Protein backbone atom coordinates (compact mmCIF):
# COMPACT_ATOMS: atom_id res chain seq x y z
CA MET A 1 -24.36 -74.74 -152.07
CA LEU A 2 -26.50 -72.33 -150.50
CA ASN A 3 -25.58 -72.74 -146.92
CA MET A 4 -24.82 -68.97 -146.36
CA LEU A 5 -27.71 -67.58 -147.80
CA ARG A 6 -30.34 -70.06 -146.21
CA SER A 7 -28.44 -69.07 -142.94
CA SER A 8 -28.01 -65.48 -143.09
CA GLY A 9 -29.92 -64.40 -146.09
CA VAL A 10 -26.87 -63.01 -147.35
CA LEU A 11 -24.46 -65.22 -150.10
CA SER A 12 -21.10 -66.47 -149.58
CA GLU A 13 -18.18 -65.07 -151.75
CA GLN A 14 -17.88 -68.59 -152.78
CA GLU A 15 -21.61 -69.10 -153.28
CA LEU A 16 -21.78 -66.46 -155.80
CA MET A 17 -18.75 -67.06 -157.20
CA GLU A 18 -20.51 -70.48 -158.31
CA LEU A 19 -23.82 -69.09 -160.05
CA PRO A 20 -23.78 -69.36 -163.39
CA GLY A 21 -24.72 -65.69 -163.72
CA VAL A 22 -22.05 -64.06 -162.41
CA PRO A 23 -18.93 -62.84 -164.91
CA SER A 24 -15.47 -63.25 -163.78
CA MET A 25 -13.30 -59.79 -162.49
CA GLU A 26 -11.51 -60.17 -166.18
CA LEU A 27 -14.95 -59.69 -167.92
CA VAL A 28 -16.19 -56.97 -165.44
CA GLU A 29 -13.07 -55.13 -165.86
CA LYS A 30 -13.58 -54.70 -170.21
CA GLY A 31 -16.89 -53.15 -170.00
CA PRO A 32 -20.32 -52.99 -168.82
CA VAL A 33 -21.80 -56.63 -167.71
CA ALA A 34 -24.59 -58.03 -166.25
CA VAL A 35 -24.21 -59.18 -162.63
CA ILE A 36 -26.96 -62.10 -161.88
CA GLU A 37 -26.95 -62.93 -158.10
CA CYS A 38 -30.28 -65.40 -158.49
CA ALA A 39 -29.38 -68.24 -156.42
CA GLU A 40 -32.64 -69.89 -156.11
CA MET A 41 -33.98 -72.05 -158.63
CA ILE A 42 -37.97 -70.76 -159.00
CA PRO A 43 -40.13 -70.74 -162.11
CA CYS A 44 -38.77 -67.19 -163.21
CA ASN A 45 -37.71 -65.79 -166.52
CA PRO A 46 -38.32 -61.61 -167.72
CA CYS A 47 -34.45 -61.54 -167.92
CA GLU A 48 -34.03 -64.03 -170.68
CA ALA A 49 -37.18 -62.51 -172.38
CA CYS A 50 -36.38 -58.80 -171.97
CA CYS A 51 -32.57 -59.14 -173.13
CA PRO A 52 -32.11 -57.93 -176.70
CA THR A 53 -28.84 -59.78 -177.62
CA GLY A 54 -29.96 -62.99 -175.94
CA ALA A 55 -26.88 -62.86 -173.89
CA ILE A 56 -29.21 -64.56 -171.11
CA LYS A 57 -30.39 -68.06 -171.07
CA ILE A 58 -32.51 -70.03 -168.46
CA GLY A 59 -32.97 -72.63 -171.15
CA ASP A 60 -36.28 -74.97 -171.45
CA ASP A 61 -36.85 -75.83 -168.03
CA ILE A 62 -38.33 -72.27 -166.42
CA ASN A 63 -36.34 -73.48 -162.82
CA ASN A 64 -33.08 -73.14 -163.93
CA LEU A 65 -30.70 -70.67 -162.84
CA PRO A 66 -30.07 -68.07 -165.23
CA ILE A 67 -26.57 -67.91 -167.17
CA ILE A 68 -24.93 -64.88 -168.55
CA ASP A 69 -22.94 -64.95 -171.85
CA ALA A 70 -20.63 -61.85 -170.73
CA VAL A 71 -19.13 -61.25 -174.16
CA LYS A 72 -23.00 -60.86 -175.96
CA CYS A 73 -24.00 -58.91 -173.07
CA THR A 74 -23.89 -55.34 -174.42
CA GLY A 75 -24.85 -53.65 -170.60
CA CYS A 76 -27.88 -52.11 -171.64
CA GLY A 77 -29.55 -52.80 -167.76
CA LEU A 78 -33.11 -53.60 -169.38
CA CYS A 79 -32.61 -57.01 -167.28
CA ILE A 80 -32.22 -54.79 -164.39
CA ALA A 81 -35.79 -53.39 -163.73
CA ALA A 82 -36.98 -56.93 -165.50
CA CYS A 83 -36.26 -59.15 -162.31
CA PRO A 84 -38.88 -59.27 -159.84
CA GLY A 85 -36.09 -60.50 -157.17
CA LEU A 86 -34.10 -57.35 -158.02
CA ALA A 87 -31.15 -59.70 -158.35
CA ILE A 88 -29.12 -58.16 -161.50
CA PHE A 89 -27.16 -55.36 -161.59
CA VAL A 90 -25.05 -54.15 -164.04
CA VAL A 91 -21.32 -53.32 -163.64
CA ASN A 92 -18.95 -51.87 -165.55
CA GLY A 93 -15.00 -52.05 -164.05
CA ALA A 94 -13.92 -50.18 -167.26
CA HIS A 95 -15.73 -46.73 -166.70
CA THR A 96 -12.51 -45.10 -165.71
CA LYS A 97 -8.96 -45.95 -164.46
CA SER A 98 -10.10 -45.90 -160.93
CA GLU A 99 -13.95 -45.95 -160.77
CA ALA A 100 -16.05 -48.49 -161.57
CA LEU A 101 -20.07 -48.07 -162.63
CA VAL A 102 -22.72 -49.79 -160.71
CA SER A 103 -26.31 -49.83 -162.06
CA ILE A 104 -28.57 -50.97 -159.51
CA PRO A 105 -33.04 -51.71 -159.21
CA TYR A 106 -34.06 -49.23 -156.42
CA GLU A 107 -37.57 -48.86 -155.26
CA PHE A 108 -37.22 -46.25 -152.34
CA LEU A 109 -38.59 -43.05 -152.12
CA PRO A 110 -37.03 -40.32 -152.61
CA LEU A 111 -35.14 -41.00 -155.46
CA PRO A 112 -31.78 -39.49 -154.91
CA ASN A 113 -30.61 -36.58 -157.55
CA ILE A 114 -27.73 -36.94 -160.15
CA GLY A 115 -24.93 -35.48 -158.39
CA ASP A 116 -25.90 -36.53 -155.09
CA GLN A 117 -23.07 -38.54 -152.56
CA VAL A 118 -24.78 -41.68 -151.07
CA GLU A 119 -23.40 -44.40 -148.82
CA ALA A 120 -22.55 -47.47 -150.94
CA LEU A 121 -23.42 -50.63 -148.89
CA ASP A 122 -22.70 -54.45 -149.59
CA ARG A 123 -24.99 -57.42 -149.58
CA GLN A 124 -25.50 -57.11 -145.66
CA GLY A 125 -26.15 -53.46 -145.46
CA LYS A 126 -22.97 -52.37 -144.35
CA LYS A 127 -21.32 -49.24 -145.18
CA VAL A 128 -18.43 -50.19 -147.90
CA CYS A 129 -17.65 -46.27 -149.47
CA MET A 130 -19.20 -43.10 -151.14
CA ALA A 131 -20.68 -43.13 -154.21
CA LYS A 132 -21.53 -40.72 -156.78
CA ILE A 133 -24.84 -40.50 -158.27
CA VAL A 134 -25.03 -40.02 -162.03
CA GLN A 135 -27.69 -41.33 -163.89
CA ILE A 136 -31.32 -42.21 -163.20
CA ARG A 137 -33.45 -43.90 -165.19
CA SER A 138 -37.14 -45.05 -164.38
CA SER A 139 -39.36 -47.97 -165.64
CA LYS A 140 -42.76 -48.15 -166.32
CA LYS A 141 -42.90 -50.84 -168.22
CA PHE A 142 -41.76 -52.77 -164.84
CA ASP A 143 -43.82 -51.78 -161.94
CA LYS A 144 -41.82 -48.66 -162.11
CA THR A 145 -38.43 -49.85 -160.26
CA ALA A 146 -35.96 -47.46 -161.29
CA ILE A 147 -32.32 -47.81 -162.24
CA VAL A 148 -29.77 -45.80 -160.49
CA SER A 149 -25.88 -45.41 -161.35
CA PHE A 150 -23.46 -44.45 -159.68
CA THR A 151 -19.61 -44.64 -159.38
CA ILE A 152 -17.46 -46.18 -156.63
CA PRO A 153 -13.76 -46.96 -156.64
CA LYS A 154 -12.63 -49.69 -159.01
CA GLU A 155 -11.65 -52.44 -156.12
CA ARG A 156 -15.49 -51.95 -154.52
CA CYS A 157 -17.46 -52.77 -157.70
CA MET A 158 -18.35 -56.28 -156.68
CA GLU A 159 -19.27 -55.63 -153.35
CA VAL A 160 -21.44 -52.58 -153.65
CA ARG A 161 -25.29 -53.56 -154.36
CA HIS A 162 -27.47 -50.52 -152.54
CA ILE A 163 -27.15 -47.45 -151.34
CA ARG A 164 -28.49 -45.30 -148.74
CA LEU A 165 -29.25 -41.39 -148.97
CA SER A 166 -26.86 -39.76 -146.48
CA GLY A 167 -27.73 -37.20 -143.62
CA GLY A 168 -31.40 -37.05 -143.70
CA MET A 169 -31.44 -35.57 -147.31
CA GLN A 170 -34.83 -33.91 -147.93
CA ARG A 171 -36.53 -33.90 -151.13
CA LYS A 172 -39.30 -32.09 -152.43
CA GLN A 173 -42.03 -34.46 -153.99
């Protein structure tokens, strides 16, 4: 199943859609839902342990891939910072008529500022479109992983998985 991941380090579209943690586009378009792009069977379960609604299941074997019950998922985002593999995102395809809201783990400094225009990147690091930062949350509980939320065109919501600060932005620390 993971031929593309093993050869390039990036999952193919087909491999992504076969993962039990990736909800259908139909569910993404209904509102916020976690997207779990975890493809390796390794002993890990912090996403299941932190989910307040029980929407994420690993099961008895801690090596199982996480399964998302998108109906139970509220899109709270607690699982984003809990994932040590940075493999969980929350996508809200119903944010506005034309835009989706995407929340990602972000472990770089400087952090962007609310209102910044940044480059939205795909899984391979290629620019897909521009994004507008709308929220930044920090998590002291999970190694200070920040959760950055941004808006992008709705049709790109399942492509974008990272951001790059544009134009050599300078920040006061």
